[in-house]
N, C-alpha and C. Protein backbone atom coordinates (compact mmCIF):
# COMPACT_ATOMS: atom_id res chain seq x y z
N MET A 1 0.84 -1.17 0.00
CA MET A 1 0.00 0.00 0.00
C MET A 1 0.89 1.24 0.00
N LYS A 2 0.55 2.18 -0.82
CA LYS A 2 1.33 3.41 -0.91
C LYS A 2 1.04 4.29 0.31
N LEU A 3 2.08 4.82 0.90
CA LEU A 3 1.91 5.67 2.08
C LEU A 3 1.33 7.01 1.66
N LEU A 4 0.40 7.53 2.47
CA LEU A 4 -0.21 8.82 2.17
C LEU A 4 0.67 9.97 2.61
N ASN A 5 1.39 9.79 3.69
CA ASN A 5 2.25 10.84 4.20
C ASN A 5 3.56 10.20 4.64
N PRO A 6 4.60 10.26 3.81
CA PRO A 6 5.83 9.54 4.16
C PRO A 6 6.55 10.12 5.37
N ILE A 7 6.27 11.35 5.75
CA ILE A 7 6.94 11.93 6.92
C ILE A 7 6.52 11.20 8.18
N PHE A 8 5.23 10.97 8.35
CA PHE A 8 4.72 10.31 9.55
C PHE A 8 4.52 8.81 9.35
N LYS A 9 4.75 8.33 8.13
CA LYS A 9 4.60 6.91 7.81
C LYS A 9 3.22 6.38 8.24
N CYS A 10 2.20 7.11 7.86
CA CYS A 10 0.84 6.68 8.19
C CYS A 10 0.17 6.16 6.93
N ASN A 11 -0.86 5.41 7.11
CA ASN A 11 -1.58 4.85 5.98
C ASN A 11 -3.05 5.24 6.07
N LEU A 12 -3.90 4.44 5.55
CA LEU A 12 -5.32 4.75 5.49
C LEU A 12 -5.96 4.87 6.87
N THR A 13 -5.34 4.30 7.89
CA THR A 13 -5.89 4.38 9.24
C THR A 13 -6.02 5.82 9.71
N LEU A 14 -5.09 6.67 9.31
CA LEU A 14 -5.17 8.08 9.68
C LEU A 14 -6.44 8.71 9.12
N LEU A 15 -6.73 8.44 7.87
CA LEU A 15 -7.94 9.00 7.27
C LEU A 15 -9.20 8.47 7.96
N GLU A 16 -9.20 7.21 8.33
CA GLU A 16 -10.35 6.66 9.03
C GLU A 16 -10.52 7.33 10.39
N GLY A 17 -9.42 7.54 11.10
CA GLY A 17 -9.48 8.21 12.40
C GLY A 17 -9.98 9.65 12.29
N VAL A 18 -9.51 10.36 11.28
CA VAL A 18 -9.97 11.74 11.06
C VAL A 18 -11.45 11.76 10.72
N PHE A 19 -11.90 10.78 9.96
CA PHE A 19 -13.32 10.70 9.63
C PHE A 19 -14.18 10.51 10.88
N VAL A 20 -13.77 9.61 11.77
CA VAL A 20 -14.52 9.37 13.00
C VAL A 20 -14.51 10.62 13.87
N PHE A 21 -13.36 11.29 13.98
CA PHE A 21 -13.27 12.51 14.77
C PHE A 21 -14.19 13.59 14.20
N ALA A 22 -14.16 13.77 12.88
CA ALA A 22 -14.97 14.79 12.25
C ALA A 22 -16.46 14.50 12.36
N ALA A 23 -16.83 13.23 12.39
CA ALA A 23 -18.24 12.86 12.48
C ALA A 23 -18.85 13.32 13.80
N GLY A 24 -18.07 13.32 14.88
CA GLY A 24 -18.59 13.75 16.17
C GLY A 24 -18.26 15.17 16.54
N PHE A 25 -17.51 15.86 15.69
CA PHE A 25 -17.03 17.20 16.04
C PHE A 25 -18.15 18.22 16.15
N GLY A 26 -19.17 18.12 15.32
CA GLY A 26 -20.24 19.10 15.30
C GLY A 26 -21.34 18.86 16.31
N SER A 27 -21.24 17.82 17.11
CA SER A 27 -22.32 17.50 18.03
C SER A 27 -22.49 18.57 19.11
N ARG A 28 -21.41 19.15 19.59
CA ARG A 28 -21.51 20.19 20.63
C ARG A 28 -22.21 21.43 20.07
N VAL A 29 -21.82 21.84 18.88
CA VAL A 29 -22.42 23.03 18.27
C VAL A 29 -23.90 22.79 17.99
N SER A 30 -24.23 21.62 17.50
CA SER A 30 -25.63 21.29 17.21
C SER A 30 -26.46 21.28 18.49
N THR A 31 -25.90 20.73 19.55
CA THR A 31 -26.61 20.68 20.83
C THR A 31 -26.83 22.07 21.39
N LEU A 32 -25.81 22.91 21.35
CA LEU A 32 -25.97 24.29 21.83
C LEU A 32 -26.99 25.05 21.00
N SER A 33 -27.02 24.80 19.71
CA SER A 33 -28.00 25.45 18.85
C SER A 33 -29.42 25.03 19.21
N LEU A 34 -29.59 23.75 19.47
CA LEU A 34 -30.92 23.24 19.85
C LEU A 34 -31.35 23.79 21.21
N ILE A 35 -30.42 23.84 22.16
CA ILE A 35 -30.73 24.39 23.47
C ILE A 35 -31.09 25.87 23.34
N SER A 36 -30.37 26.60 22.49
CA SER A 36 -30.66 28.03 22.29
C SER A 36 -32.06 28.24 21.75
N TYR A 37 -32.53 27.32 20.95
CA TYR A 37 -33.88 27.43 20.40
C TYR A 37 -34.94 27.22 21.48
N TRP A 38 -34.65 26.31 22.43
CA TRP A 38 -35.64 25.98 23.46
C TRP A 38 -35.68 26.97 24.61
N ILE A 39 -34.58 27.65 24.90
CA ILE A 39 -34.47 28.50 26.08
C ILE A 39 -34.81 29.94 25.72
N SER A 40 -35.46 30.64 26.64
CA SER A 40 -35.79 32.04 26.40
C SER A 40 -34.53 32.89 26.37
N ASP A 41 -34.62 34.05 25.72
CA ASP A 41 -33.45 34.90 25.52
C ASP A 41 -32.85 35.41 26.83
N ASP A 42 -33.68 35.64 27.84
CA ASP A 42 -33.14 36.17 29.10
C ASP A 42 -32.41 35.12 29.94
N SER A 43 -32.52 33.85 29.60
CA SER A 43 -31.84 32.78 30.34
C SER A 43 -30.62 32.21 29.62
N LYS A 44 -30.39 32.63 28.38
CA LYS A 44 -29.33 32.02 27.59
C LYS A 44 -27.94 32.26 28.17
N ALA A 45 -27.67 33.46 28.64
CA ALA A 45 -26.33 33.76 29.17
C ALA A 45 -26.04 32.91 30.41
N THR A 46 -27.02 32.75 31.27
CA THR A 46 -26.83 31.92 32.46
C THR A 46 -26.61 30.46 32.08
N LEU A 47 -27.38 29.98 31.13
CA LEU A 47 -27.24 28.60 30.68
C LEU A 47 -25.87 28.36 30.04
N TYR A 48 -25.43 29.28 29.18
CA TYR A 48 -24.11 29.13 28.56
C TYR A 48 -23.00 29.17 29.59
N SER A 49 -23.15 30.00 30.62
CA SER A 49 -22.15 30.03 31.68
C SER A 49 -22.10 28.70 32.43
N ALA A 50 -23.27 28.15 32.73
CA ALA A 50 -23.32 26.86 33.42
C ALA A 50 -22.71 25.75 32.56
N ILE A 51 -22.99 25.77 31.27
CA ILE A 51 -22.42 24.77 30.37
C ILE A 51 -20.91 24.89 30.33
N ALA A 52 -20.41 26.13 30.26
CA ALA A 52 -18.95 26.34 30.23
C ALA A 52 -18.29 25.84 31.51
N VAL A 53 -18.92 26.08 32.67
CA VAL A 53 -18.36 25.62 33.94
C VAL A 53 -18.30 24.09 33.97
N VAL A 54 -19.38 23.44 33.56
CA VAL A 54 -19.42 21.97 33.58
C VAL A 54 -18.39 21.40 32.60
N GLU A 55 -18.27 21.99 31.41
CA GLU A 55 -17.28 21.52 30.44
C GLU A 55 -15.86 21.68 30.98
N ASN A 56 -15.58 22.82 31.61
CA ASN A 56 -14.23 23.05 32.14
C ASN A 56 -13.90 22.12 33.30
N ILE A 57 -14.87 21.82 34.13
CA ILE A 57 -14.64 20.85 35.21
C ILE A 57 -14.34 19.49 34.60
N GLY A 58 -15.08 19.11 33.57
CA GLY A 58 -14.83 17.85 32.89
C GLY A 58 -13.44 17.79 32.29
N HIS A 59 -13.01 18.88 31.67
CA HIS A 59 -11.67 18.91 31.10
C HIS A 59 -10.60 18.91 32.19
N ALA A 60 -10.85 19.61 33.28
CA ALA A 60 -9.86 19.67 34.37
C ALA A 60 -9.64 18.30 35.02
N VAL A 61 -10.68 17.48 35.06
CA VAL A 61 -10.56 16.16 35.67
C VAL A 61 -10.20 15.10 34.62
N GLY A 62 -10.86 15.13 33.48
CA GLY A 62 -10.71 14.08 32.49
C GLY A 62 -9.41 14.11 31.73
N ASP A 63 -8.98 15.28 31.27
CA ASP A 63 -7.78 15.35 30.45
C ASP A 63 -6.53 14.85 31.17
N PRO A 64 -6.24 15.32 32.39
CA PRO A 64 -5.04 14.81 33.06
C PRO A 64 -5.12 13.31 33.37
N SER A 65 -6.31 12.81 33.70
CA SER A 65 -6.41 11.38 34.00
C SER A 65 -6.16 10.54 32.76
N LEU A 66 -6.69 10.95 31.60
CA LEU A 66 -6.45 10.20 30.37
C LEU A 66 -4.99 10.31 29.94
N GLN A 67 -4.37 11.47 30.16
CA GLN A 67 -2.94 11.60 29.84
C GLN A 67 -2.09 10.72 30.75
N LYS A 68 -2.48 10.62 32.00
CA LYS A 68 -1.74 9.77 32.94
C LYS A 68 -1.86 8.30 32.53
N ILE A 69 -3.05 7.88 32.12
CA ILE A 69 -3.24 6.49 31.67
C ILE A 69 -2.39 6.23 30.44
N PHE A 70 -2.38 7.15 29.49
CA PHE A 70 -1.59 6.97 28.28
C PHE A 70 -0.10 6.94 28.59
N ALA A 71 0.36 7.84 29.47
CA ALA A 71 1.78 7.85 29.85
C ALA A 71 2.17 6.53 30.52
N THR A 72 1.27 5.98 31.32
CA THR A 72 1.55 4.70 31.97
C THR A 72 1.70 3.58 30.95
N THR A 73 0.85 3.57 29.93
CA THR A 73 0.97 2.53 28.90
C THR A 73 2.28 2.66 28.13
N LEU A 74 2.74 3.88 27.92
CA LEU A 74 4.03 4.07 27.23
C LEU A 74 5.20 3.64 28.10
N ARG A 75 5.12 3.95 29.37
CA ARG A 75 6.21 3.64 30.30
C ARG A 75 6.35 2.13 30.54
N LEU A 76 5.25 1.41 30.50
CA LEU A 76 5.28 -0.02 30.77
C LEU A 76 5.66 -0.85 29.54
N HIS A 77 5.81 -0.20 28.40
CA HIS A 77 6.21 -0.87 27.16
C HIS A 77 5.28 -2.04 26.81
N TRP A 78 4.00 -1.81 27.00
CA TRP A 78 3.04 -2.81 26.59
C TRP A 78 2.94 -2.83 25.08
N SER A 79 2.17 -3.74 24.56
CA SER A 79 1.98 -3.80 23.11
C SER A 79 1.23 -2.54 22.65
N PRO A 80 1.35 -2.19 21.39
CA PRO A 80 0.67 -0.99 20.88
C PRO A 80 -0.85 -1.03 21.08
N PHE A 81 -1.40 -2.22 21.18
CA PHE A 81 -2.85 -2.32 21.42
C PHE A 81 -3.25 -1.59 22.70
N TRP A 82 -2.44 -1.70 23.75
CA TRP A 82 -2.78 -1.10 25.03
C TRP A 82 -2.57 0.40 25.06
N GLN A 83 -1.95 0.97 24.03
CA GLN A 83 -1.83 2.42 23.97
C GLN A 83 -3.18 3.07 23.71
N ALA A 84 -4.15 2.28 23.33
CA ALA A 84 -5.51 2.78 23.15
C ALA A 84 -6.31 2.70 24.44
N LEU A 85 -5.68 2.36 25.55
CA LEU A 85 -6.38 2.21 26.83
C LEU A 85 -7.17 3.46 27.24
N PRO A 86 -6.67 4.70 27.02
CA PRO A 86 -7.49 5.87 27.37
C PRO A 86 -8.84 5.88 26.66
N PHE A 87 -8.87 5.39 25.43
CA PHE A 87 -10.13 5.36 24.70
C PHE A 87 -11.07 4.30 25.26
N PHE A 88 -10.51 3.17 25.70
CA PHE A 88 -11.33 2.15 26.34
C PHE A 88 -11.90 2.67 27.66
N VAL A 89 -11.09 3.39 28.42
CA VAL A 89 -11.55 3.97 29.70
C VAL A 89 -12.68 4.96 29.43
N THR A 90 -12.53 5.79 28.41
CA THR A 90 -13.57 6.76 28.07
C THR A 90 -14.85 6.05 27.65
N ALA A 91 -14.73 4.99 26.88
CA ALA A 91 -15.92 4.24 26.45
C ALA A 91 -16.64 3.64 27.65
N VAL A 92 -15.88 3.11 28.61
CA VAL A 92 -16.49 2.52 29.81
C VAL A 92 -17.17 3.61 30.64
N ARG A 93 -16.55 4.79 30.73
CA ARG A 93 -17.19 5.90 31.47
C ARG A 93 -18.50 6.30 30.83
N TYR A 94 -18.52 6.43 29.50
CA TYR A 94 -19.76 6.79 28.82
C TYR A 94 -20.82 5.71 28.99
N LEU A 95 -20.42 4.46 28.90
CA LEU A 95 -21.35 3.36 29.10
C LEU A 95 -21.92 3.39 30.52
N GLY A 96 -21.07 3.64 31.51
CA GLY A 96 -21.54 3.73 32.89
C GLY A 96 -22.53 4.86 33.08
N THR A 97 -22.27 6.00 32.44
CA THR A 97 -23.20 7.13 32.52
C THR A 97 -24.53 6.79 31.87
N LEU A 98 -24.48 6.12 30.73
CA LEU A 98 -25.71 5.72 30.05
C LEU A 98 -26.53 4.77 30.91
N VAL A 99 -25.87 3.78 31.51
CA VAL A 99 -26.57 2.82 32.37
C VAL A 99 -27.17 3.52 33.58
N ARG A 100 -26.40 4.44 34.18
CA ARG A 100 -26.90 5.15 35.35
C ARG A 100 -28.11 6.01 35.00
N ASN A 101 -28.06 6.71 33.85
CA ASN A 101 -29.19 7.54 33.45
C ASN A 101 -30.43 6.71 33.18
N GLU A 102 -30.26 5.57 32.52
CA GLU A 102 -31.40 4.69 32.25
C GLU A 102 -31.97 4.13 33.55
N ALA A 103 -31.09 3.79 34.50
CA ALA A 103 -31.57 3.27 35.78
C ALA A 103 -32.32 4.35 36.55
N ASN A 104 -31.82 5.59 36.50
CA ASN A 104 -32.52 6.68 37.18
C ASN A 104 -33.88 6.94 36.56
N LYS A 105 -33.94 6.86 35.23
CA LYS A 105 -35.22 7.08 34.56
C LYS A 105 -36.21 5.99 34.94
N HIS A 106 -35.75 4.75 34.97
CA HIS A 106 -36.61 3.63 35.33
C HIS A 106 -37.03 3.71 36.79
N LEU A 107 -36.09 4.01 37.67
CA LEU A 107 -36.39 4.11 39.10
C LEU A 107 -37.36 5.26 39.37
N GLY A 108 -37.16 6.39 38.69
CA GLY A 108 -38.06 7.52 38.87
C GLY A 108 -39.48 7.21 38.45
N SER A 109 -39.64 6.47 37.37
CA SER A 109 -40.99 6.13 36.93
C SER A 109 -41.64 5.13 37.88
N ILE A 110 -40.84 4.27 38.51
CA ILE A 110 -41.40 3.32 39.49
C ILE A 110 -41.83 4.06 40.75
N LEU A 111 -40.95 4.95 41.25
CA LEU A 111 -41.25 5.66 42.49
C LEU A 111 -42.45 6.60 42.34
N LEU A 112 -42.58 7.21 41.17
CA LEU A 112 -43.67 8.17 40.98
C LEU A 112 -44.89 7.51 40.36
N GLY A 113 -44.86 6.22 40.18
CA GLY A 113 -46.01 5.50 39.66
C GLY A 113 -46.32 5.81 38.22
N GLY A 114 -45.32 6.30 37.48
CA GLY A 114 -45.55 6.60 36.07
C GLY A 114 -46.33 7.87 35.84
N LEU A 115 -46.52 8.70 36.88
CA LEU A 115 -47.29 9.92 36.72
C LEU A 115 -46.50 11.02 36.03
N VAL A 116 -45.20 10.98 36.18
CA VAL A 116 -44.35 12.02 35.59
C VAL A 116 -43.59 11.41 34.43
N ASP A 117 -43.63 12.07 33.30
CA ASP A 117 -42.93 11.59 32.12
C ASP A 117 -41.59 12.34 32.02
N TYR A 118 -40.49 11.62 32.21
CA TYR A 118 -39.16 12.24 32.17
C TYR A 118 -38.74 12.50 30.73
N VAL A 119 -38.04 13.59 30.53
CA VAL A 119 -37.48 13.94 29.23
C VAL A 119 -35.98 13.77 29.31
N TYR A 120 -35.48 12.75 28.60
CA TYR A 120 -34.03 12.52 28.56
C TYR A 120 -33.58 12.55 27.14
């Protein structure tokens, strides 16, 4: 297979990775746009501030932990497969959040007898 970029010696995998990254890149902008449509104009600044605080807390906690996991995999000289461990950790975190949210939705409907319809 002909190399696409001989400087970095990468192949088609780079293009596939960029495609996956680009596919999810616009989700934040789309979500903020949808939220802006639903929220009244006098509450938008407060909502955007709250979103920025939550995002920054997530970055302050998540980024260093994922970098530490990646540095550990490099230091231990594991196989290249394990260098993807930060991505596996992130996937497990998202899966745990999804399970927790679904359990909360189910538990809430049981406790309230189905009288309240949750919007998730």
